[in-house]
Amino acid sequence: QCLLEELETMDFPDVKGQIQAFMHTVCLVWVNSR
């Protein structure tokens, strides 16, 4: 939720730096959620 809110509000050129954190969190969801 927080990562998405940041992605939605930041300027597009700045999104590149946030994608890694977002994808890392998605991977954690994949590994931990049953």
PDB file of all heavy atoms in Angstrom:
ATOM      1  N   GLN A   1       0.824  -1.215   0.000  1.00  0.00           N
ATOM      2  CA  GLN A   1       0.000   0.000   0.000  1.00  0.00           C
ATOM      3  C   GLN A   1       0.856   1.263   0.000  1.00  0.00           C
ATOM      4  O   GLN A   1       0.660   2.143  -0.837  1.00  0.00           O
ATOM      5  CB  GLN A   1      -0.942  -0.005   1.213  1.00  0.00           C
ATOM      6  CG  GLN A   1      -1.879   1.184   1.279  1.00  0.00           C
ATOM      7  CD  GLN A   1      -2.969   1.107   0.232  1.00  0.00           C
ATOM      8  OE1 GLN A   1      -3.530   0.053  -0.017  1.00  0.00           O
ATOM      9  NE2 GLN A   1      -3.276   2.227  -0.380  1.00  0.00           N
ATOM     10  N   CYS A   2       1.791   1.347   0.904  1.00  0.00           N
ATOM     11  CA  CYS A   2       2.656   2.544   0.980  1.00  0.00           C
ATOM     12  C   CYS A   2       3.486   2.717  -0.281  1.00  0.00           C
ATOM     13  O   CYS A   2       3.616   3.830  -0.797  1.00  0.00           O
ATOM     14  CB  CYS A   2       3.572   2.462   2.197  1.00  0.00           C
ATOM     15  SG  CYS A   2       2.704   2.626   3.753  1.00  0.00           S
ATOM     16  N   LEU A   3       4.035   1.614  -0.770  1.00  0.00           N
ATOM     17  CA  LEU A   3       4.854   1.681  -1.984  1.00  0.00           C
ATOM     18  C   LEU A   3       4.013   2.138  -3.175  1.00  0.00           C
ATOM     19  O   LEU A   3       4.476   2.933  -4.000  1.00  0.00           O
ATOM     20  CB  LEU A   3       5.486   0.326  -2.276  1.00  0.00           C
ATOM     21  CG  LEU A   3       6.510  -0.158  -1.251  1.00  0.00           C
ATOM     22  CD1 LEU A   3       6.885  -1.603  -1.514  1.00  0.00           C
ATOM     23  CD2 LEU A   3       7.729   0.736  -1.276  1.00  0.00           C
ATOM     24  N   LEU A   4       2.784   1.652  -3.258  1.00  0.00           N
ATOM     25  CA  LEU A   4       1.901   2.052  -4.362  1.00  0.00           C
ATOM     26  C   LEU A   4       1.528   3.526  -4.269  1.00  0.00           C
ATOM     27  O   LEU A   4       1.476   4.221  -5.279  1.00  0.00           O
ATOM     28  CB  LEU A   4       0.639   1.193  -4.371  1.00  0.00           C
ATOM     29  CG  LEU A   4       0.837  -0.205  -4.910  1.00  0.00           C
ATOM     30  CD1 LEU A   4      -0.393  -1.054  -4.659  1.00  0.00           C
ATOM     31  CD2 LEU A   4       1.152  -0.165  -6.387  1.00  0.00           C
ATOM     32  N   GLU A   5       1.257   3.984  -3.062  1.00  0.00           N
ATOM     33  CA  GLU A   5       0.921   5.397  -2.880  1.00  0.00           C
ATOM     34  C   GLU A   5       2.082   6.276  -3.328  1.00  0.00           C
ATOM     35  O   GLU A   5       1.878   7.310  -3.960  1.00  0.00           O
ATOM     36  CB  GLU A   5       0.534   5.672  -1.432  1.00  0.00           C
ATOM     37  CG  GLU A   5      -0.825   5.100  -1.071  1.00  0.00           C
ATOM     38  CD  GLU A   5      -1.143   5.188   0.414  1.00  0.00           C
ATOM     39  OE1 GLU A   5      -0.337   5.736   1.190  1.00  0.00           O
ATOM     40  OE2 GLU A   5      -2.214   4.683   0.795  1.00  0.00           O
ATOM     41  N   GLU A   6       3.292   5.856  -3.015  1.00  0.00           N
ATOM     42  CA  GLU A   6       4.468   6.611  -3.448  1.00  0.00           C
ATOM     43  C   GLU A   6       4.600   6.564  -4.972  1.00  0.00           C
ATOM     44  O   GLU A   6       4.877   7.585  -5.604  1.00  0.00           O
ATOM     45  CB  GLU A   6       5.729   6.054  -2.791  1.00  0.00           C
ATOM     46  CG  GLU A   6       5.826   6.351  -1.312  1.00  0.00           C
ATOM     47  CD  GLU A   6       7.038   5.703  -0.660  1.00  0.00           C
ATOM     48  OE1 GLU A   6       8.007   5.353  -1.378  1.00  0.00           O
ATOM     49  OE2 GLU A   6       7.015   5.535   0.568  1.00  0.00           O
ATOM     50  N   LEU A   7       4.421   5.372  -5.551  1.00  0.00           N
ATOM     51  CA  LEU A   7       4.504   5.229  -7.009  1.00  0.00           C
ATOM     52  C   LEU A   7       3.477   6.103  -7.722  1.00  0.00           C
ATOM     53  O   LEU A   7       3.767   6.707  -8.748  1.00  0.00           O
ATOM     54  CB  LEU A   7       4.288   3.771  -7.423  1.00  0.00           C
ATOM     55  CG  LEU A   7       5.478   2.839  -7.374  1.00  0.00           C
ATOM     56  CD1 LEU A   7       5.055   1.410  -7.683  1.00  0.00           C
ATOM     57  CD2 LEU A   7       6.560   3.274  -8.350  1.00  0.00           C
ATOM     58  N   GLU A   8       2.267   6.144  -7.174  1.00  0.00           N
ATOM     59  CA  GLU A   8       1.186   6.896  -7.811  1.00  0.00           C
ATOM     60  C   GLU A   8       1.404   8.401  -7.754  1.00  0.00           C
ATOM     61  O   GLU A   8       0.933   9.126  -8.616  1.00  0.00           O
ATOM     62  CB  GLU A   8      -0.156   6.542  -7.161  1.00  0.00           C
ATOM     63  CG  GLU A   8      -0.620   5.133  -7.484  1.00  0.00           C
ATOM     64  CD  GLU A   8      -1.848   4.710  -6.703  1.00  0.00           C
ATOM     65  OE1 GLU A   8      -2.179   5.354  -5.693  1.00  0.00           O
ATOM     66  OE2 GLU A   8      -2.468   3.707  -7.097  1.00  0.00           O
ATOM     67  N   THR A   9       2.119   8.866  -6.743  1.00  0.00           N
ATOM     68  CA  THR A   9       2.262  10.313  -6.567  1.00  0.00           C
ATOM     69  C   THR A   9       3.571  10.877  -7.111  1.00  0.00           C
ATOM     70  O   THR A   9       3.679  12.083  -7.286  1.00  0.00           O
ATOM     71  CB  THR A   9       2.153  10.694  -5.069  1.00  0.00           C
ATOM     72  OG1 THR A   9       3.140   9.989  -4.335  1.00  0.00           O
ATOM     73  CG2 THR A   9       0.767  10.377  -4.534  1.00  0.00           C
ATOM     74  N   MET A  10       4.539  10.019  -7.377  1.00  0.00           N
ATOM     75  CA  MET A  10       5.829  10.562  -7.829  1.00  0.00           C
ATOM     76  C   MET A  10       5.840  10.796  -9.337  1.00  0.00           C
ATOM     77  O   MET A  10       5.057  10.209 -10.071  1.00  0.00           O
ATOM     78  CB  MET A  10       6.988   9.663  -7.393  1.00  0.00           C
ATOM     79  CG  MET A  10       6.987   8.277  -7.940  1.00  0.00           C
ATOM     80  SD  MET A  10       8.395   7.250  -7.412  1.00  0.00           S
ATOM     81  CE  MET A  10       8.615   7.593  -5.720  1.00  0.00           C
ATOM     82  N   ASP A  11       6.726  11.668  -9.761  1.00  0.00           N
ATOM     83  CA  ASP A  11       6.910  11.933 -11.183  1.00  0.00           C
ATOM     84  C   ASP A  11       7.475  10.681 -11.844  1.00  0.00           C
ATOM     85  O   ASP A  11       8.273   9.946 -11.249  1.00  0.00           O
ATOM     86  CB  ASP A  11       7.868  13.109 -11.391  1.00  0.00           C
ATOM     87  CG  ASP A  11       7.268  14.413 -10.888  1.00  0.00           C
ATOM     88  OD1 ASP A  11       6.032  14.551 -10.930  1.00  0.00           O
ATOM     89  OD2 ASP A  11       8.051  15.287 -10.447  1.00  0.00           O
ATOM     90  N   PHE A  12       7.099  10.479 -13.088  1.00  0.00           N
ATOM     91  CA  PHE A  12       7.485   9.244 -13.773  1.00  0.00           C
ATOM     92  C   PHE A  12       8.992   8.992 -13.803  1.00  0.00           C
ATOM     93  O   PHE A  12       9.422   7.859 -13.567  1.00  0.00           O
ATOM     94  CB  PHE A  12       6.901   9.177 -15.181  1.00  0.00           C
ATOM     95  CG  PHE A  12       7.157   7.859 -15.833  1.00  0.00           C
ATOM     96  CD1 PHE A  12       6.506   6.724 -15.401  1.00  0.00           C
ATOM     97  CD2 PHE A  12       8.082   7.749 -16.859  1.00  0.00           C
ATOM     98  CE1 PHE A  12       6.764   5.489 -15.972  1.00  0.00           C
ATOM     99  CE2 PHE A  12       8.349   6.524 -17.439  1.00  0.00           C
ATOM    100  CZ  PHE A  12       7.677   5.388 -16.998  1.00  0.00           C
ATOM    101  N   PRO A  13       9.823   9.986 -14.053  1.00  0.00           N
ATOM    102  CA  PRO A  13      11.268   9.702 -14.066  1.00  0.00           C
ATOM    103  C   PRO A  13      11.789   9.159 -12.724  1.00  0.00           C
ATOM    104  O   PRO A  13      12.779   8.432 -12.690  1.00  0.00           O
ATOM    105  CB  PRO A  13      11.902  11.056 -14.389  1.00  0.00           C
ATOM    106  CG  PRO A  13      10.836  11.802 -15.112  1.00  0.00           C
ATOM    107  CD  PRO A  13       9.535  11.354 -14.492  1.00  0.00           C
ATOM    108  N   ASP A  14      11.102   9.481 -11.640  1.00  0.00           N
ATOM    109  CA  ASP A  14      11.541   9.029 -10.317  1.00  0.00           C
ATOM    110  C   ASP A  14      11.059   7.618  -9.985  1.00  0.00           C
ATOM    111  O   ASP A  14      11.503   7.020  -9.002  1.00  0.00           O
ATOM    112  CB  ASP A  14      11.041   9.995  -9.241  1.00  0.00           C
ATOM    113  CG  ASP A  14      11.571  11.407  -9.458  1.00  0.00           C
ATOM    114  OD1 ASP A  14      12.682  11.538 -10.005  1.00  0.00           O
ATOM    115  OD2 ASP A  14      10.850  12.366  -9.097  1.00  0.00           O
ATOM    116  N   VAL A  15      10.150   7.088 -10.782  1.00  0.00           N
ATOM    117  CA  VAL A  15       9.556   5.770 -10.523  1.00  0.00           C
ATOM    118  C   VAL A  15      10.603   4.662 -10.589  1.00  0.00           C
ATOM    119  O   VAL A  15      10.534   3.691  -9.842  1.00  0.00           O
ATOM    120  CB  VAL A  15       8.395   5.500 -11.514  1.00  0.00           C
ATOM    121  CG1 VAL A  15       7.959   4.056 -11.484  1.00  0.00           C
ATOM    122  CG2 VAL A  15       7.223   6.417 -11.214  1.00  0.00           C
ATOM    123  N   LYS A  16      11.585   4.832 -11.457  1.00  0.00           N
ATOM    124  CA  LYS A  16      12.595   3.797 -11.661  1.00  0.00           C
ATOM    125  C   LYS A  16      13.218   3.337 -10.340  1.00  0.00           C
ATOM    126  O   LYS A  16      13.393   2.141 -10.109  1.00  0.00           O
ATOM    127  CB  LYS A  16      13.676   4.307 -12.617  1.00  0.00           C
ATOM    128  CG  LYS A  16      14.730   3.282 -12.946  1.00  0.00           C
ATOM    129  CD  LYS A  16      15.749   3.851 -13.914  1.00  0.00           C
ATOM    130  CE  LYS A  16      16.827   2.830 -14.188  1.00  0.00           C
ATOM    131  NZ  LYS A  16      17.872   3.347 -15.055  1.00  0.00           N
ATOM    132  N   GLY A  17      13.518   4.256  -9.475  1.00  0.00           N
ATOM    133  CA  GLY A  17      14.134   3.915  -8.188  1.00  0.00           C
ATOM    134  C   GLY A  17      13.196   3.178  -7.250  1.00  0.00           C
ATOM    135  O   GLY A  17      13.647   2.443  -6.367  1.00  0.00           O
ATOM    136  N   GLN A  18      11.913   3.355  -7.427  1.00  0.00           N
ATOM    137  CA  GLN A  18      10.925   2.733  -6.542  1.00  0.00           C
ATOM    138  C   GLN A  18      10.524   1.329  -7.003  1.00  0.00           C
ATOM    139  O   GLN A  18      10.046   0.532  -6.215  1.00  0.00           O
ATOM    140  CB  GLN A  18       9.677   3.631  -6.467  1.00  0.00           C
ATOM    141  CG  GLN A  18       8.752   3.326  -5.341  1.00  0.00           C
ATOM    142  CD  GLN A  18       9.358   3.644  -3.972  1.00  0.00           C
ATOM    143  OE1 GLN A  18      10.412   4.270  -3.846  1.00  0.00           O
ATOM    144  NE2 GLN A  18       8.696   3.194  -2.948  1.00  0.00           N
ATOM    145  N   ILE A  19      10.745   1.018  -8.264  1.00  0.00           N
ATOM    146  CA  ILE A  19      10.338  -0.276  -8.821  1.00  0.00           C
ATOM    147  C   ILE A  19      11.040  -1.438  -8.108  1.00  0.00           C
ATOM    148  O   ILE A  19      10.424  -2.460  -7.831  1.00  0.00           O
ATOM    149  CB  ILE A  19      10.609  -0.339 -10.344  1.00  0.00           C
ATOM    150  CG1 ILE A  19       9.709   0.655 -11.075  1.00  0.00           C
ATOM    151  CG2 ILE A  19      10.429  -1.740 -10.893  1.00  0.00           C
ATOM    152  CD1 ILE A  19       8.247   0.309 -11.039  1.00  0.00           C
ATOM    153  N   GLN A  20      12.315  -1.274  -7.798  1.00  0.00           N
ATOM    154  CA  GLN A  20      13.052  -2.355  -7.144  1.00  0.00           C
ATOM    155  C   GLN A  20      12.430  -2.691  -5.787  1.00  0.00           C
ATOM    156  O   GLN A  20      12.234  -3.864  -5.474  1.00  0.00           O
ATOM    157  CB  GLN A  20      14.525  -1.985  -6.983  1.00  0.00           C
ATOM    158  CG  GLN A  20      15.340  -3.119  -6.382  1.00  0.00           C
ATOM    159  CD  GLN A  20      16.820  -2.779  -6.261  1.00  0.00           C
ATOM    160  OE1 GLN A  20      17.244  -1.688  -6.601  1.00  0.00           O
ATOM    161  NE2 GLN A  20      17.594  -3.721  -5.765  1.00  0.00           N
ATOM    162  N   ALA A  21      12.119  -1.686  -4.986  1.00  0.00           N
ATOM    163  CA  ALA A  21      11.506  -1.928  -3.677  1.00  0.00           C
ATOM    164  C   ALA A  21      10.128  -2.576  -3.837  1.00  0.00           C
ATOM    165  O   ALA A  21       9.772  -3.497  -3.090  1.00  0.00           O
ATOM    166  CB  ALA A  21      11.384  -0.621  -2.898  1.00  0.00           C
ATOM    167  N   PHE A  22       9.384  -2.107  -4.823  1.00  0.00           N
ATOM    168  CA  PHE A  22       8.052  -2.669  -5.074  1.00  0.00           C
ATOM    169  C   PHE A  22       8.164  -4.147  -5.459  1.00  0.00           C
ATOM    170  O   PHE A  22       7.472  -5.007  -4.912  1.00  0.00           O
ATOM    171  CB  PHE A  22       7.337  -1.872  -6.170  1.00  0.00           C
ATOM    172  CG  PHE A  22       5.975  -2.408  -6.491  1.00  0.00           C
ATOM    173  CD1 PHE A  22       4.896  -2.099  -5.685  1.00  0.00           C
ATOM    174  CD2 PHE A  22       5.780  -3.234  -7.591  1.00  0.00           C
ATOM    175  CE1 PHE A  22       3.631  -2.597  -5.968  1.00  0.00           C
ATOM    176  CE2 PHE A  22       4.521  -3.744  -7.885  1.00  0.00           C
ATOM    177  CZ  PHE A  22       3.447  -3.421  -7.076  1.00  0.00           C
ATOM    178  N   MET A  23       9.052  -4.465  -6.393  1.00  0.00           N
ATOM    179  CA  MET A  23       9.193  -5.848  -6.856  1.00  0.00           C
ATOM    180  C   MET A  23       9.748  -6.757  -5.754  1.00  0.00           C
ATOM    181  O   MET A  23       9.363  -7.926  -5.650  1.00  0.00           O
ATOM    182  CB  MET A  23      10.080  -5.908  -8.106  1.00  0.00           C
ATOM    183  CG  MET A  23       9.428  -5.282  -9.328  1.00  0.00           C
ATOM    184  SD  MET A  23       7.762  -5.934  -9.670  1.00  0.00           S
ATOM    185  CE  MET A  23       8.146  -7.621 -10.084  1.00  0.00           C
ATOM    186  N   HIS A  24      10.620  -6.215  -4.923  1.00  0.00           N
ATOM    187  CA  HIS A  24      11.130  -6.996  -3.788  1.00  0.00           C
ATOM    188  C   HIS A  24       9.979  -7.350  -2.847  1.00  0.00           C
ATOM    189  O   HIS A  24       9.889  -8.499  -2.365  1.00  0.00           O
ATOM    190  CB  HIS A  24      12.219  -6.218  -3.053  1.00  0.00           C
ATOM    191  CG  HIS A  24      12.781  -6.961  -1.875  1.00  0.00           C
ATOM    192  ND1 HIS A  24      13.642  -8.033  -2.004  1.00  0.00           N
ATOM    193  CD2 HIS A  24      12.572  -6.790  -0.546  1.00  0.00           C
ATOM    194  CE1 HIS A  24      13.942  -8.489  -0.798  1.00  0.00           C
ATOM    195  NE2 HIS A  24      13.312  -7.754   0.098  1.00  0.00           N
ATOM    196  N   THR A  25       9.097  -6.407  -2.604  1.00  0.00           N
ATOM    197  CA  THR A  25       7.944  -6.653  -1.734  1.00  0.00           C
ATOM    198  C   THR A  25       6.992  -7.663  -2.363  1.00  0.00           C
ATOM    199  O   THR A  25       6.457  -8.533  -1.673  1.00  0.00           O
ATOM    200  CB  THR A  25       7.208  -5.324  -1.416  1.00  0.00           C
ATOM    201  OG1 THR A  25       8.159  -4.400  -0.890  1.00  0.00           O
ATOM    202  CG2 THR A  25       6.107  -5.536  -0.397  1.00  0.00           C
ATOM    203  N   VAL A  26       6.799  -7.576  -3.674  1.00  0.00           N
ATOM    204  CA  VAL A  26       5.968  -8.565  -4.375  1.00  0.00           C
ATOM    205  C   VAL A  26       6.576  -9.960  -4.219  1.00  0.00           C
ATOM    206  O   VAL A  26       5.854 -10.931  -3.971  1.00  0.00           O
ATOM    207  CB  VAL A  26       5.813  -8.195  -5.872  1.00  0.00           C
ATOM    208  CG1 VAL A  26       5.185  -9.336  -6.654  1.00  0.00           C
ATOM    209  CG2 VAL A  26       4.969  -6.933  -6.013  1.00  0.00           C
ATOM    210  N   CYS A  27       7.895 -10.054  -4.315  1.00  0.00           N
ATOM    211  CA  CYS A  27       8.564 -11.350  -4.119  1.00  0.00           C
ATOM    212  C   CYS A  27       8.356 -11.872  -2.693  1.00  0.00           C
ATOM    213  O   CYS A  27       8.156 -13.077  -2.495  1.00  0.00           O
ATOM    214  CB  CYS A  27      10.056 -11.235  -4.420  1.00  0.00           C
ATOM    215  SG  CYS A  27      10.414 -11.051  -6.180  1.00  0.00           S
ATOM    216  N   LEU A  28       8.392 -10.983  -1.721  1.00  0.00           N
ATOM    217  CA  LEU A  28       8.145 -11.397  -0.336  1.00  0.00           C
ATOM    218  C   LEU A  28       6.708 -11.899  -0.166  1.00  0.00           C
ATOM    219  O   LEU A  28       6.467 -12.862   0.575  1.00  0.00           O
ATOM    220  CB  LEU A  28       8.427 -10.238   0.626  1.00  0.00           C
ATOM    221  CG  LEU A  28       9.891  -9.875   0.812  1.00  0.00           C
ATOM    222  CD1 LEU A  28      10.032  -8.613   1.650  1.00  0.00           C
ATOM    223  CD2 LEU A  28      10.659 -11.034   1.432  1.00  0.00           C
ATOM    224  N   VAL A  29       5.769 -11.259  -0.835  1.00  0.00           N
ATOM    225  CA  VAL A  29       4.374 -11.726  -0.807  1.00  0.00           C
ATOM    226  C   VAL A  29       4.317 -13.136  -1.384  1.00  0.00           C
ATOM    227  O   VAL A  29       3.706 -14.040  -0.810  1.00  0.00           O
ATOM    228  CB  VAL A  29       3.441 -10.771  -1.589  1.00  0.00           C
ATOM    229  CG1 VAL A  29       2.052 -11.373  -1.747  1.00  0.00           C
ATOM    230  CG2 VAL A  29       3.355  -9.410  -0.903  1.00  0.00           C
ATOM    231  N   TRP A  30       4.960 -13.335  -2.526  1.00  0.00           N
ATOM    232  CA  TRP A  30       4.975 -14.640  -3.210  1.00  0.00           C
ATOM    233  C   TRP A  30       5.536 -15.732  -2.283  1.00  0.00           C
ATOM    234  O   TRP A  30       4.986 -16.819  -2.192  1.00  0.00           O
ATOM    235  CB  TRP A  30       5.810 -14.528  -4.478  1.00  0.00           C
ATOM    236  CG  TRP A  30       6.065 -15.839  -5.161  1.00  0.00           C
ATOM    237  CD1 TRP A  30       7.144 -16.659  -5.004  1.00  0.00           C
ATOM    238  CD2 TRP A  30       5.218 -16.487  -6.108  1.00  0.00           C
ATOM    239  NE1 TRP A  30       7.028 -17.763  -5.790  1.00  0.00           N
ATOM    240  CE2 TRP A  30       5.849 -17.694  -6.482  1.00  0.00           C
ATOM    241  CE3 TRP A  30       3.994 -16.165  -6.676  1.00  0.00           C
ATOM    242  CZ2 TRP A  30       5.295 -18.571  -7.398  1.00  0.00           C
ATOM    243  CZ3 TRP A  30       3.455 -17.043  -7.610  1.00  0.00           C
ATOM    244  CH2 TRP A  30       4.096 -18.235  -7.944  1.00  0.00           C
ATOM    245  N   VAL A  31       6.614 -15.431  -1.600  1.00  0.00           N
ATOM    246  CA  VAL A  31       7.294 -16.434  -0.774  1.00  0.00           C
ATOM    247  C   VAL A  31       6.527 -16.719   0.518  1.00  0.00           C
ATOM    248  O   VAL A  31       6.467 -17.865   0.962  1.00  0.00           O
ATOM    249  CB  VAL A  31       8.730 -15.970  -0.447  1.00  0.00           C
ATOM    250  CG1 VAL A  31       9.381 -16.822   0.615  1.00  0.00           C
ATOM    251  CG2 VAL A  31       9.575 -15.960  -1.702  1.00  0.00           C
ATOM    252  N   ASN A  32       5.922 -15.704   1.113  1.00  0.00           N
ATOM    253  CA  ASN A  32       5.360 -15.857   2.453  1.00  0.00           C
ATOM    254  C   ASN A  32       3.859 -16.121   2.512  1.00  0.00           C
ATOM    255  O   ASN A  32       3.386 -16.747   3.459  1.00  0.00           O
ATOM    256  CB  ASN A  32       5.693 -14.625   3.298  1.00  0.00           C
ATOM    257  CG  ASN A  32       7.176 -14.533   3.559  1.00  0.00           C
ATOM    258  OD1 ASN A  32       7.770 -15.432   4.135  1.00  0.00           O
ATOM    259  ND2 ASN A  32       7.799 -13.470   3.095  1.00  0.00           N
ATOM    260  N   SER A  33       3.101 -15.645   1.573  1.00  0.00           N
ATOM    261  CA  SER A  33       1.652 -15.825   1.623  1.00  0.00           C
ATOM    262  C   SER A  33       1.282 -17.253   1.235  1.00  0.00           C
ATOM    263  O   SER A  33       1.778 -17.792   0.247  1.00  0.00           O
ATOM    264  CB  SER A  33       0.955 -14.844   0.674  1.00  0.00           C
ATOM    265  OG  SER A  33      -0.432 -15.116   0.641  1.00  0.00           O
ATOM    266  N   ARG A  34       0.405 -17.845   2.005  1.00  0.00           N
ATOM    267  CA  ARG A  34      -0.053 -19.202   1.693  1.00  0.00           C
ATOM    268  C   ARG A  34      -1.070 -19.197   0.558  1.00  0.00           C
ATOM    269  O   ARG A  34      -1.293 -20.228  -0.065  1.00  0.00           O
ATOM    270  CB  ARG A  34      -0.709 -19.847   2.915  1.00  0.00           C
ATOM    271  CG  ARG A  34       0.258 -20.167   4.035  1.00  0.00           C
ATOM    272  CD  ARG A  34      -0.467 -20.739   5.224  1.00  0.00           C
ATOM    273  NE  ARG A  34      -1.454 -19.750   5.669  1.00  0.00           N
ATOM    274  CZ  ARG A  34      -2.553 -20.033   6.341  1.00  0.00           C
ATOM    275  NH1 ARG A  34      -2.833 -21.257   6.655  1.00  0.00           N
ATOM    276  NH2 ARG A  34      -3.381 -19.074   6.707  1.00  0.00           N
TER     277      ARG A  34
END
